[in-house]
């Protein structure tokens, strides 16, 4: 069940959904508009010969910050990580979906490639996977509307919310665009072939 605007406001007022900062005018019929932070993680392609998902590659990306009135220029075909201005917290019985704004999609801006799902128990700013599929550069600005988040009621509260120690949640509490931590799956001794057989 997707929460309506009234239900979203009620959950926020009860403290079950946290959006910080929260702007009441951002509530839409079945979602809440989210805004772009001023920090981006850009890829430095000359530092490694390729991306190795098994290895930590700390020099692969670099954090850059723009001033309040300065545009961040996203070039055609470019992929960078951004972040929502809002910190989001979910209770154990709600899941959320992050989607782009239609008006920005019509300009060729994609805000996530696969990471649109927000687990129950999540706390932190959401990392955005920003891609420009247009033929012209796109100027992005701090504080602009960048996406929308909708909320879904689960059949029951989860037993192990995101961030539970036994889950090995990689991004709980993040406050800036966060690089991939996929290499930890290999470092923890997990055998992907064995997991695939299960």
N, C-alpha and C. Protein backbone atom coordinates (compact mmCIF):
# COMPACT_ATOMS: atom_id res chain seq x y z
N UNK A 1 0.84 -1.19 0.00
CA UNK A 1 0.00 0.00 0.00
C UNK A 1 0.88 1.25 0.00
N UNK A 2 0.68 2.13 -0.97
CA UNK A 2 1.44 3.37 -1.07
C UNK A 2 0.79 4.41 -0.16
N UNK A 3 1.60 5.10 0.63
CA UNK A 3 1.05 6.13 1.52
C UNK A 3 0.62 7.36 0.74
N UNK A 4 -0.54 7.88 1.09
CA UNK A 4 -1.05 9.12 0.49
C UNK A 4 -0.40 10.32 1.18
N UNK A 5 -0.66 11.51 0.66
CA UNK A 5 -0.09 12.73 1.24
C UNK A 5 -0.48 12.88 2.72
N UNK A 6 -1.75 12.62 3.04
CA UNK A 6 -2.18 12.73 4.44
C UNK A 6 -1.49 11.73 5.34
N UNK A 7 -1.34 10.50 4.85
CA UNK A 7 -0.64 9.48 5.64
C UNK A 7 0.84 9.80 5.80
N UNK A 8 1.45 10.35 4.74
CA UNK A 8 2.86 10.74 4.84
C UNK A 8 3.03 11.81 5.91
N UNK A 9 2.18 12.84 5.88
CA UNK A 9 2.26 13.91 6.88
C UNK A 9 2.06 13.35 8.29
N UNK A 10 1.11 12.43 8.45
CA UNK A 10 0.85 11.84 9.77
C UNK A 10 2.06 11.06 10.27
N UNK A 11 2.72 10.32 9.38
CA UNK A 11 3.90 9.53 9.78
C UNK A 11 5.06 10.45 10.15
N UNK A 12 5.19 11.56 9.43
CA UNK A 12 6.25 12.54 9.75
C UNK A 12 5.95 13.21 11.08
N UNK A 13 4.72 13.62 11.29
CA UNK A 13 4.35 14.28 12.54
C UNK A 13 4.51 13.35 13.74
N UNK A 14 4.30 12.05 13.52
CA UNK A 14 4.47 11.06 14.60
C UNK A 14 5.93 10.71 14.83
N UNK A 15 6.83 11.18 13.94
CA UNK A 15 8.25 10.89 14.08
C UNK A 15 8.66 9.53 13.54
N UNK A 16 7.75 8.85 12.87
CA UNK A 16 8.09 7.53 12.33
C UNK A 16 8.89 7.65 11.04
N UNK A 17 8.53 8.59 10.19
CA UNK A 17 9.36 8.95 9.04
C UNK A 17 10.08 10.24 9.40
N UNK A 18 11.40 10.25 9.20
CA UNK A 18 12.18 11.47 9.45
C UNK A 18 12.73 11.96 8.13
N UNK A 19 12.48 13.22 7.83
CA UNK A 19 13.09 13.92 6.71
C UNK A 19 13.68 15.20 7.29
N UNK A 20 15.00 15.35 7.21
CA UNK A 20 15.65 16.49 7.83
C UNK A 20 16.65 17.11 6.86
N UNK A 21 16.39 18.33 6.36
CA UNK A 21 15.27 19.21 6.73
C UNK A 21 13.97 18.76 6.09
N UNK A 22 12.88 19.12 6.74
CA UNK A 22 11.54 18.81 6.23
C UNK A 22 10.84 20.08 5.84
N UNK A 23 10.35 20.13 4.60
CA UNK A 23 9.60 21.27 4.09
C UNK A 23 8.19 20.77 3.79
N UNK A 24 7.18 21.18 4.56
CA UNK A 24 5.82 20.67 4.33
C UNK A 24 5.34 20.81 2.89
N UNK A 25 5.78 21.88 2.21
CA UNK A 25 5.36 22.10 0.82
C UNK A 25 5.92 21.06 -0.14
N UNK A 26 6.91 20.27 0.32
CA UNK A 26 7.51 19.24 -0.54
C UNK A 26 6.64 17.99 -0.66
N UNK A 27 5.61 17.88 0.18
CA UNK A 27 4.74 16.70 0.14
C UNK A 27 3.85 16.79 -1.11
N UNK A 28 3.92 15.76 -1.94
CA UNK A 28 3.12 15.64 -3.15
C UNK A 28 1.99 14.63 -2.89
N UNK A 29 1.11 14.34 -3.85
CA UNK A 29 -0.02 13.44 -3.59
C UNK A 29 0.38 12.07 -3.01
N UNK A 30 1.51 11.50 -3.46
CA UNK A 30 1.91 10.19 -2.94
C UNK A 30 3.42 10.08 -2.76
N UNK A 31 4.10 11.23 -2.58
CA UNK A 31 5.55 11.24 -2.42
C UNK A 31 5.99 12.55 -1.78
N UNK A 32 7.29 12.65 -1.53
CA UNK A 32 7.88 13.89 -1.01
C UNK A 32 9.06 14.25 -1.90
N UNK A 33 9.13 15.50 -2.34
CA UNK A 33 10.26 15.96 -3.14
C UNK A 33 11.52 16.01 -2.29
N UNK A 34 12.64 15.54 -2.86
CA UNK A 34 13.94 15.62 -2.22
C UNK A 34 14.83 16.56 -3.02
N UNK A 35 15.83 17.11 -2.35
CA UNK A 35 16.67 18.16 -2.94
C UNK A 35 18.13 17.73 -3.00
N UNK A 36 18.89 18.38 -3.85
CA UNK A 36 20.27 18.02 -4.12
C UNK A 36 21.23 18.71 -3.15
N UNK A 37 22.13 17.93 -2.59
CA UNK A 37 23.18 18.48 -1.73
C UNK A 37 24.28 19.08 -2.61
N UNK A 38 25.27 19.70 -2.00
CA UNK A 38 26.32 20.39 -2.76
C UNK A 38 27.61 19.57 -2.89
N UNK A 39 27.57 18.30 -2.52
CA UNK A 39 28.77 17.46 -2.63
C UNK A 39 28.55 16.36 -3.67
N UNK A 40 29.60 16.09 -4.45
CA UNK A 40 29.56 15.09 -5.51
C UNK A 40 30.82 14.23 -5.43
N UNK A 41 30.67 12.97 -5.78
CA UNK A 41 31.83 12.08 -5.85
C UNK A 41 32.05 11.75 -7.32
N UNK A 42 33.17 12.27 -7.85
CA UNK A 42 33.47 12.12 -9.28
C UNK A 42 34.52 11.03 -9.47
N UNK A 43 34.44 10.34 -10.60
CA UNK A 43 35.36 9.25 -10.90
C UNK A 43 36.62 9.81 -11.54
N UNK A 44 37.75 9.31 -11.07
CA UNK A 44 39.05 9.68 -11.61
C UNK A 44 39.58 8.49 -12.40
N UNK A 45 39.26 8.48 -13.69
CA UNK A 45 39.49 7.31 -14.53
C UNK A 45 40.96 6.98 -14.78
N UNK A 46 41.86 7.92 -14.51
CA UNK A 46 43.28 7.69 -14.80
C UNK A 46 44.01 7.00 -13.64
N UNK A 47 43.35 6.77 -12.54
CA UNK A 47 44.05 6.26 -11.36
C UNK A 47 44.13 4.74 -11.30
N UNK A 48 43.24 4.05 -12.00
CA UNK A 48 43.25 2.58 -12.04
C UNK A 48 43.02 2.14 -13.48
N UNK A 49 43.60 0.99 -13.88
CA UNK A 49 43.37 0.53 -15.26
C UNK A 49 41.95 0.03 -15.49
N UNK A 50 41.27 -0.40 -14.43
CA UNK A 50 39.88 -0.86 -14.52
C UNK A 50 39.29 -0.88 -13.11
N UNK A 51 37.97 -1.00 -13.02
CA UNK A 51 37.30 -1.13 -11.73
C UNK A 51 37.27 -2.60 -11.35
N UNK A 52 37.86 -2.95 -10.23
CA UNK A 52 37.88 -4.32 -9.73
C UNK A 52 36.92 -4.39 -8.54
N UNK A 53 35.80 -5.08 -8.72
CA UNK A 53 34.78 -5.11 -7.67
C UNK A 53 35.24 -5.88 -6.43
N UNK A 54 36.33 -6.65 -6.54
CA UNK A 54 36.83 -7.39 -5.38
C UNK A 54 37.79 -6.58 -4.52
N UNK A 55 38.27 -5.47 -5.05
CA UNK A 55 39.31 -4.70 -4.37
C UNK A 55 38.80 -3.33 -3.94
N UNK A 56 39.25 -2.88 -2.78
CA UNK A 56 38.99 -1.49 -2.39
C UNK A 56 39.88 -0.60 -3.24
N UNK A 57 39.31 0.40 -3.88
CA UNK A 57 40.07 1.31 -4.73
C UNK A 57 39.78 2.74 -4.26
N UNK A 58 40.42 3.15 -3.17
CA UNK A 58 40.09 4.44 -2.55
C UNK A 58 40.36 5.66 -3.43
N UNK A 59 41.21 5.52 -4.43
CA UNK A 59 41.53 6.65 -5.31
C UNK A 59 40.61 6.71 -6.53
N UNK A 60 39.63 5.79 -6.60
CA UNK A 60 38.76 5.74 -7.78
C UNK A 60 37.86 6.97 -7.90
N UNK A 61 37.41 7.48 -6.75
CA UNK A 61 36.54 8.66 -6.76
C UNK A 61 37.13 9.74 -5.87
N UNK A 62 36.67 10.95 -6.12
CA UNK A 62 37.13 12.10 -5.33
C UNK A 62 35.91 12.95 -4.98
N UNK A 63 35.84 13.39 -3.73
CA UNK A 63 34.73 14.22 -3.27
C UNK A 63 34.99 15.67 -3.64
N UNK A 64 34.02 16.30 -4.33
CA UNK A 64 34.11 17.72 -4.67
C UNK A 64 32.87 18.42 -4.12
N UNK A 65 33.03 19.68 -3.81
CA UNK A 65 31.93 20.46 -3.23
C UNK A 65 31.78 21.76 -4.02
N UNK A 66 30.52 22.11 -4.30
CA UNK A 66 30.26 23.36 -5.01
C UNK A 66 29.73 24.40 -4.03
N UNK A 67 29.95 25.69 -4.36
CA UNK A 67 29.38 26.76 -3.56
C UNK A 67 27.89 26.87 -3.83
N UNK A 68 27.18 27.56 -2.96
CA UNK A 68 25.73 27.63 -3.04
C UNK A 68 25.19 28.07 -4.40
N UNK A 69 25.86 29.01 -5.06
CA UNK A 69 25.35 29.55 -6.32
C UNK A 69 26.10 29.00 -7.54
N UNK A 70 26.97 28.05 -7.33
CA UNK A 70 27.82 27.53 -8.40
C UNK A 70 27.18 26.28 -9.02
N UNK A 71 27.12 26.19 -10.36
CA UNK A 71 26.57 24.97 -10.96
C UNK A 71 27.59 23.83 -10.96
N UNK A 72 27.09 22.63 -10.86
CA UNK A 72 27.90 21.44 -11.12
C UNK A 72 27.51 20.98 -12.52
N UNK A 73 28.47 20.91 -13.41
CA UNK A 73 28.18 20.58 -14.81
C UNK A 73 28.36 19.08 -15.02
N UNK A 74 27.27 18.42 -15.39
CA UNK A 74 27.28 16.98 -15.68
C UNK A 74 27.28 16.81 -17.19
N UNK A 75 28.37 16.28 -17.73
CA UNK A 75 28.54 16.19 -19.17
C UNK A 75 27.84 14.97 -19.75
N UNK A 76 27.54 14.98 -21.04
CA UNK A 76 26.89 13.82 -21.67
C UNK A 76 27.70 12.55 -21.45
N UNK A 77 27.01 11.48 -21.06
CA UNK A 77 27.67 10.20 -20.82
C UNK A 77 28.38 10.12 -19.48
N UNK A 78 28.39 11.19 -18.72
CA UNK A 78 29.11 11.20 -17.44
C UNK A 78 28.26 10.59 -16.33
N UNK A 79 28.96 9.96 -15.40
CA UNK A 79 28.32 9.32 -14.24
C UNK A 79 29.03 9.80 -12.98
N UNK A 80 28.28 10.37 -12.04
CA UNK A 80 28.84 10.81 -10.76
C UNK A 80 27.88 10.41 -9.65
N UNK A 81 28.37 10.43 -8.44
CA UNK A 81 27.52 10.19 -7.27
C UNK A 81 27.19 11.52 -6.62
N UNK A 82 25.93 11.70 -6.29
CA UNK A 82 25.49 12.88 -5.55
C UNK A 82 24.81 12.43 -4.28
N UNK A 83 24.13 13.35 -3.62
CA UNK A 83 23.48 13.03 -2.36
C UNK A 83 22.25 13.90 -2.19
N UNK A 84 21.27 13.35 -1.48
CA UNK A 84 20.12 14.17 -1.12
C UNK A 84 20.52 15.12 0.00
N UNK A 85 19.95 16.30 -0.03
CA UNK A 85 20.13 17.26 1.07
C UNK A 85 19.49 16.70 2.34
N UNK A 86 18.37 16.00 2.16
CA UNK A 86 17.62 15.48 3.31
C UNK A 86 18.24 14.19 3.86
N UNK A 87 18.29 14.12 5.18
CA UNK A 87 18.57 12.85 5.86
C UNK A 87 17.23 12.14 6.03
N UNK A 88 17.20 10.84 5.73
CA UNK A 88 15.97 10.06 5.74
C UNK A 88 16.09 8.95 6.78
N UNK A 89 15.04 8.77 7.58
CA UNK A 89 14.96 7.63 8.49
C UNK A 89 13.62 6.95 8.30
N UNK A 90 13.65 5.61 8.24
CA UNK A 90 12.43 4.83 8.08
C UNK A 90 12.22 3.90 9.27
N UNK A 91 10.95 3.68 9.66
CA UNK A 91 10.67 2.68 10.69
C UNK A 91 10.78 1.27 10.11
N UNK A 92 10.59 0.28 10.95
CA UNK A 92 10.80 -1.11 10.55
C UNK A 92 9.64 -1.71 9.75
N UNK A 93 8.57 -0.94 9.54
CA UNK A 93 7.43 -1.49 8.80
C UNK A 93 7.10 -0.67 7.54
N UNK A 94 8.04 0.20 7.13
CA UNK A 94 7.87 0.96 5.89
C UNK A 94 9.09 0.78 5.00
N UNK A 95 8.86 0.68 3.71
CA UNK A 95 9.93 0.66 2.72
C UNK A 95 9.68 1.84 1.79
N UNK A 96 10.73 2.35 1.16
CA UNK A 96 10.57 3.53 0.31
C UNK A 96 11.20 3.30 -1.06
N UNK A 97 10.72 4.08 -2.02
CA UNK A 97 11.27 4.07 -3.38
C UNK A 97 11.70 5.50 -3.74
N UNK A 98 12.89 5.61 -4.27
CA UNK A 98 13.40 6.89 -4.75
C UNK A 98 13.26 6.91 -6.26
N UNK A 99 12.65 7.96 -6.78
CA UNK A 99 12.46 8.10 -8.22
C UNK A 99 12.86 9.50 -8.65
N UNK A 100 13.16 9.64 -9.94
CA UNK A 100 13.53 10.94 -10.48
C UNK A 100 12.30 11.80 -10.72
N UNK A 101 12.54 13.08 -10.95
CA UNK A 101 11.48 14.01 -11.31
C UNK A 101 11.27 13.92 -12.82
N UNK A 102 10.01 13.88 -13.24
CA UNK A 102 9.68 13.76 -14.66
C UNK A 102 10.29 14.90 -15.48
N UNK A 103 10.25 16.10 -14.94
CA UNK A 103 10.78 17.26 -15.69
C UNK A 103 12.28 17.13 -15.93
N UNK A 104 13.01 16.53 -14.99
CA UNK A 104 14.45 16.34 -15.17
C UNK A 104 14.72 15.16 -16.10
N UNK A 105 13.89 14.13 -16.02
CA UNK A 105 14.03 13.00 -16.93
C UNK A 105 13.86 13.42 -18.37
N UNK A 106 12.99 14.40 -18.60
CA UNK A 106 12.76 14.90 -19.96
C UNK A 106 13.94 15.70 -20.49
N UNK A 107 14.87 16.05 -19.59
CA UNK A 107 16.10 16.73 -20.00
C UNK A 107 17.26 15.76 -20.16
N UNK A 108 17.03 14.49 -19.79
CA UNK A 108 18.08 13.48 -19.92
C UNK A 108 18.82 13.17 -18.64
N UNK A 109 18.31 13.63 -17.50
CA UNK A 109 18.98 13.39 -16.22
C UNK A 109 18.36 12.19 -15.52
N UNK A 110 19.18 11.18 -15.22
CA UNK A 110 18.77 10.02 -14.44
C UNK A 110 19.39 10.14 -13.06
N UNK A 111 18.63 9.84 -12.00
CA UNK A 111 19.18 10.02 -10.65
C UNK A 111 19.57 8.71 -9.98
N UNK A 112 19.18 7.57 -10.56
CA UNK A 112 19.70 6.30 -10.05
C UNK A 112 19.67 5.27 -11.17
N UNK A 113 20.65 4.36 -11.11
CA UNK A 113 20.69 3.29 -12.08
C UNK A 113 20.07 2.02 -11.51
N UNK A 114 20.36 1.71 -10.24
CA UNK A 114 19.74 0.54 -9.60
C UNK A 114 19.34 0.82 -8.16
N UNK A 115 19.85 1.87 -7.56
CA UNK A 115 19.70 2.06 -6.11
C UNK A 115 18.50 2.92 -5.76
N UNK A 116 17.31 2.52 -6.18
CA UNK A 116 16.12 3.30 -5.87
C UNK A 116 15.34 2.76 -4.70
N UNK A 117 15.84 1.71 -4.08
CA UNK A 117 15.12 1.02 -3.01
C UNK A 117 15.70 1.43 -1.66
N UNK A 118 14.84 1.80 -0.71
CA UNK A 118 15.29 2.22 0.62
C UNK A 118 14.67 1.26 1.65
N UNK A 119 15.53 0.51 2.32
CA UNK A 119 15.09 -0.55 3.24
C UNK A 119 14.47 -0.02 4.53
N UNK A 120 13.59 -0.82 5.15
CA UNK A 120 13.11 -0.51 6.49
C UNK A 120 14.30 -0.39 7.45
N UNK A 121 14.27 0.61 8.31
CA UNK A 121 15.36 0.80 9.26
C UNK A 121 16.47 1.70 8.76
N UNK A 122 16.39 2.11 7.49
CA UNK A 122 17.43 2.97 6.91
C UNK A 122 17.54 4.29 7.67
N UNK A 123 18.78 4.78 7.85
CA UNK A 123 19.07 6.11 8.38
C UNK A 123 20.22 6.70 7.59
N UNK A 124 20.04 7.90 7.07
CA UNK A 124 21.14 8.59 6.39
C UNK A 124 20.67 9.37 5.19
N UNK A 125 21.61 10.08 4.58
CA UNK A 125 21.35 10.75 3.32
C UNK A 125 21.44 9.72 2.20
N UNK A 126 20.63 9.87 1.18
CA UNK A 126 20.60 8.90 0.08
C UNK A 126 21.62 9.29 -0.98
N UNK A 127 22.46 8.33 -1.37
CA UNK A 127 23.39 8.56 -2.46
C UNK A 127 22.65 8.44 -3.79
N UNK A 128 22.89 9.39 -4.67
CA UNK A 128 22.27 9.43 -5.99
C UNK A 128 23.28 8.99 -7.04
N UNK A 129 22.83 8.19 -8.00
CA UNK A 129 23.67 7.76 -9.11
C UNK A 129 23.25 8.60 -10.32
N UNK A 130 23.95 9.70 -10.53
CA UNK A 130 23.55 10.70 -11.51
C UNK A 130 24.18 10.43 -12.87
N UNK A 131 23.34 10.33 -13.90
CA UNK A 131 23.81 10.10 -15.27
C UNK A 131 23.15 11.11 -16.20
N UNK A 132 23.93 11.58 -17.16
CA UNK A 132 23.42 12.47 -18.19
C UNK A 132 23.34 11.68 -19.50
N UNK A 133 22.12 11.36 -19.94
CA UNK A 133 21.94 10.63 -21.20
C UNK A 133 21.55 11.57 -22.34
N UNK A 134 21.60 12.87 -22.10
CA UNK A 134 21.31 13.86 -23.14
C UNK A 134 22.58 14.12 -23.97
N UNK A 135 22.44 14.94 -24.99
CA UNK A 135 23.59 15.28 -25.84
C UNK A 135 24.26 16.59 -25.45
N UNK A 136 23.71 17.27 -24.46
CA UNK A 136 24.28 18.52 -23.98
C UNK A 136 24.58 18.42 -22.49
N UNK A 137 25.55 19.17 -21.98
CA UNK A 137 25.80 19.19 -20.54
C UNK A 137 24.57 19.71 -19.79
N UNK A 138 24.41 19.25 -18.54
CA UNK A 138 23.31 19.68 -17.67
C UNK A 138 23.91 20.35 -16.44
N UNK A 139 23.43 21.56 -16.12
CA UNK A 139 23.88 22.27 -14.92
C UNK A 139 22.99 21.88 -13.74
N UNK A 140 23.61 21.43 -12.66
CA UNK A 140 22.89 21.05 -11.44
C UNK A 140 23.23 22.05 -10.35
N UNK A 141 22.25 22.34 -9.48
CA UNK A 141 22.44 23.37 -8.47
C UNK A 141 22.08 22.85 -7.08
N UNK A 142 22.85 23.31 -6.12
CA UNK A 142 22.60 22.99 -4.71
C UNK A 142 21.18 23.40 -4.32
N UNK A 143 20.45 22.48 -3.72
CA UNK A 143 19.11 22.77 -3.22
C UNK A 143 17.99 22.58 -4.23
N UNK A 144 18.32 22.27 -5.49
CA UNK A 144 17.27 22.06 -6.48
C UNK A 144 16.53 20.75 -6.20
N UNK A 145 15.25 20.68 -6.62
CA UNK A 145 14.52 19.42 -6.52
C UNK A 145 15.22 18.40 -7.42
N UNK A 146 15.51 17.23 -6.87
CA UNK A 146 16.26 16.24 -7.63
C UNK A 146 15.51 14.92 -7.78
N UNK A 147 14.58 14.64 -6.88
CA UNK A 147 13.85 13.37 -6.95
C UNK A 147 12.67 13.39 -6.01
N UNK A 148 12.03 12.24 -5.90
CA UNK A 148 10.89 12.11 -4.99
C UNK A 148 10.93 10.74 -4.35
N UNK A 149 10.49 10.69 -3.10
CA UNK A 149 10.49 9.44 -2.36
C UNK A 149 9.05 9.09 -1.99
N UNK A 150 8.68 7.85 -2.23
CA UNK A 150 7.35 7.37 -1.86
C UNK A 150 7.51 6.25 -0.84
N UNK A 151 6.46 5.99 -0.08
CA UNK A 151 6.54 5.08 1.06
C UNK A 151 5.47 4.00 0.93
N UNK A 152 5.86 2.77 1.31
CA UNK A 152 4.98 1.62 1.19
C UNK A 152 4.88 0.92 2.53
N UNK A 153 3.66 0.60 2.93
CA UNK A 153 3.43 -0.13 4.18
C UNK A 153 3.68 -1.60 3.93
N UNK A 154 4.44 -2.24 4.81
CA UNK A 154 4.74 -3.66 4.68
C UNK A 154 3.68 -4.49 5.39
N UNK A 155 3.64 -5.78 5.09
CA UNK A 155 2.65 -6.67 5.70
C UNK A 155 2.88 -6.79 7.20
N UNK A 156 4.14 -6.66 7.63
CA UNK A 156 4.48 -6.64 9.06
C UNK A 156 5.86 -6.02 9.19
N UNK A 157 6.23 -5.65 10.40
CA UNK A 157 7.56 -5.08 10.63
C UNK A 157 8.63 -6.14 10.34
N UNK A 158 9.74 -5.71 9.78
CA UNK A 158 10.82 -6.66 9.47
C UNK A 158 11.49 -7.13 10.76
N UNK A 159 12.04 -8.33 10.73
CA UNK A 159 12.73 -8.88 11.90
C UNK A 159 14.15 -8.35 12.01
N UNK A 160 14.78 -8.09 10.86
CA UNK A 160 16.15 -7.57 10.85
C UNK A 160 16.19 -6.33 9.96
N UNK A 161 15.97 -5.14 10.53
CA UNK A 161 16.00 -3.92 9.71
C UNK A 161 17.40 -3.62 9.20
N UNK A 162 17.44 -2.79 8.16
CA UNK A 162 18.72 -2.35 7.63
C UNK A 162 19.55 -1.76 8.76
N UNK A 163 20.82 -2.11 8.80
CA UNK A 163 21.70 -1.64 9.86
C UNK A 163 21.91 -2.67 10.95
N UNK A 164 21.12 -3.76 10.94
CA UNK A 164 21.33 -4.82 11.94
C UNK A 164 22.73 -5.40 11.75
N UNK A 165 23.46 -5.62 12.86
CA UNK A 165 24.86 -6.06 12.75
C UNK A 165 25.05 -7.32 11.90
N UNK A 166 24.14 -8.26 12.00
CA UNK A 166 24.32 -9.52 11.27
C UNK A 166 24.11 -9.38 9.76
N UNK A 167 23.54 -8.27 9.31
CA UNK A 167 23.31 -8.07 7.88
C UNK A 167 24.54 -7.51 7.17
N UNK A 168 25.44 -6.89 7.91
CA UNK A 168 26.61 -6.27 7.27
C UNK A 168 26.23 -5.09 6.39
N UNK A 169 25.23 -4.32 6.80
CA UNK A 169 24.77 -3.17 6.01
C UNK A 169 25.92 -2.18 5.81
N UNK A 170 26.17 -1.81 4.57
CA UNK A 170 27.38 -1.05 4.24
C UNK A 170 27.23 0.46 4.35
N UNK A 171 25.99 0.97 4.27
CA UNK A 171 25.84 2.41 4.09
C UNK A 171 25.01 3.09 5.17
N UNK A 172 24.67 2.37 6.22
CA UNK A 172 23.85 2.96 7.28
C UNK A 172 24.54 4.19 7.86
N UNK A 173 23.79 5.30 7.97
CA UNK A 173 24.32 6.51 8.58
C UNK A 173 25.13 7.39 7.66
N UNK A 174 25.21 7.07 6.37
CA UNK A 174 26.03 7.89 5.48
C UNK A 174 25.48 9.31 5.41
N UNK A 175 26.39 10.28 5.28
CA UNK A 175 25.98 11.69 5.26
C UNK A 175 26.48 12.43 4.03
N UNK A 176 27.12 11.73 3.11
CA UNK A 176 27.64 12.33 1.89
C UNK A 176 27.62 11.28 0.80
N UNK A 177 27.85 11.67 -0.47
CA UNK A 177 27.91 10.66 -1.52
C UNK A 177 28.96 9.61 -1.17
N UNK A 178 28.54 8.36 -1.14
CA UNK A 178 29.41 7.29 -0.63
C UNK A 178 29.76 6.33 -1.75
N UNK A 179 31.06 6.09 -1.92
CA UNK A 179 31.54 5.19 -2.96
C UNK A 179 31.10 3.75 -2.66
N UNK A 180 31.15 2.92 -3.67
CA UNK A 180 30.76 1.52 -3.53
C UNK A 180 31.63 0.80 -2.50
N UNK A 181 30.97 -0.01 -1.68
CA UNK A 181 31.68 -0.86 -0.72
C UNK A 181 31.48 -2.33 -1.07
N UNK A 182 31.23 -2.62 -2.35
CA UNK A 182 30.97 -3.99 -2.78
C UNK A 182 32.12 -4.93 -2.45
N UNK A 183 33.36 -4.39 -2.46
CA UNK A 183 34.53 -5.22 -2.17
C UNK A 183 34.44 -5.90 -0.82
N UNK A 184 33.66 -5.35 0.11
CA UNK A 184 33.55 -5.96 1.44
C UNK A 184 32.90 -7.33 1.38
N UNK A 185 32.06 -7.57 0.38
CA UNK A 185 31.46 -8.89 0.24
C UNK A 185 32.53 -9.96 0.04
N UNK A 186 33.60 -9.61 -0.66
CA UNK A 186 34.69 -10.55 -0.88
C UNK A 186 35.60 -10.60 0.35
N UNK A 187 35.83 -9.45 0.98
CA UNK A 187 36.72 -9.39 2.14
C UNK A 187 36.15 -10.18 3.31
N UNK A 188 34.82 -10.26 3.41
CA UNK A 188 34.19 -10.99 4.51
C UNK A 188 34.17 -12.49 4.29
N UNK A 189 34.79 -12.95 3.21
CA UNK A 189 34.89 -14.38 2.96
C UNK A 189 33.67 -15.01 2.34
N UNK A 190 32.73 -14.18 1.90
CA UNK A 190 31.54 -14.73 1.26
C UNK A 190 31.93 -15.32 -0.09
N UNK A 191 31.41 -16.49 -0.38
CA UNK A 191 31.65 -17.15 -1.66
C UNK A 191 30.44 -16.91 -2.54
N UNK A 192 30.54 -16.00 -3.53
CA UNK A 192 29.38 -15.68 -4.36
C UNK A 192 28.82 -16.90 -5.08
N UNK A 193 29.68 -17.82 -5.48
CA UNK A 193 29.19 -19.02 -6.18
C UNK A 193 28.37 -19.88 -5.26
N UNK A 194 28.81 -19.98 -4.00
CA UNK A 194 28.04 -20.76 -3.02
C UNK A 194 26.71 -20.08 -2.70
N UNK A 195 26.73 -18.76 -2.56
CA UNK A 195 25.50 -18.03 -2.28
C UNK A 195 24.51 -18.16 -3.44
N UNK A 196 25.01 -18.20 -4.66
CA UNK A 196 24.13 -18.31 -5.83
C UNK A 196 23.44 -19.68 -5.88
N UNK A 197 24.11 -20.70 -5.32
CA UNK A 197 23.52 -22.04 -5.33
C UNK A 197 22.39 -22.18 -4.32
N UNK A 198 22.38 -21.28 -3.31
CA UNK A 198 21.38 -21.39 -2.23
C UNK A 198 20.00 -20.98 -2.70
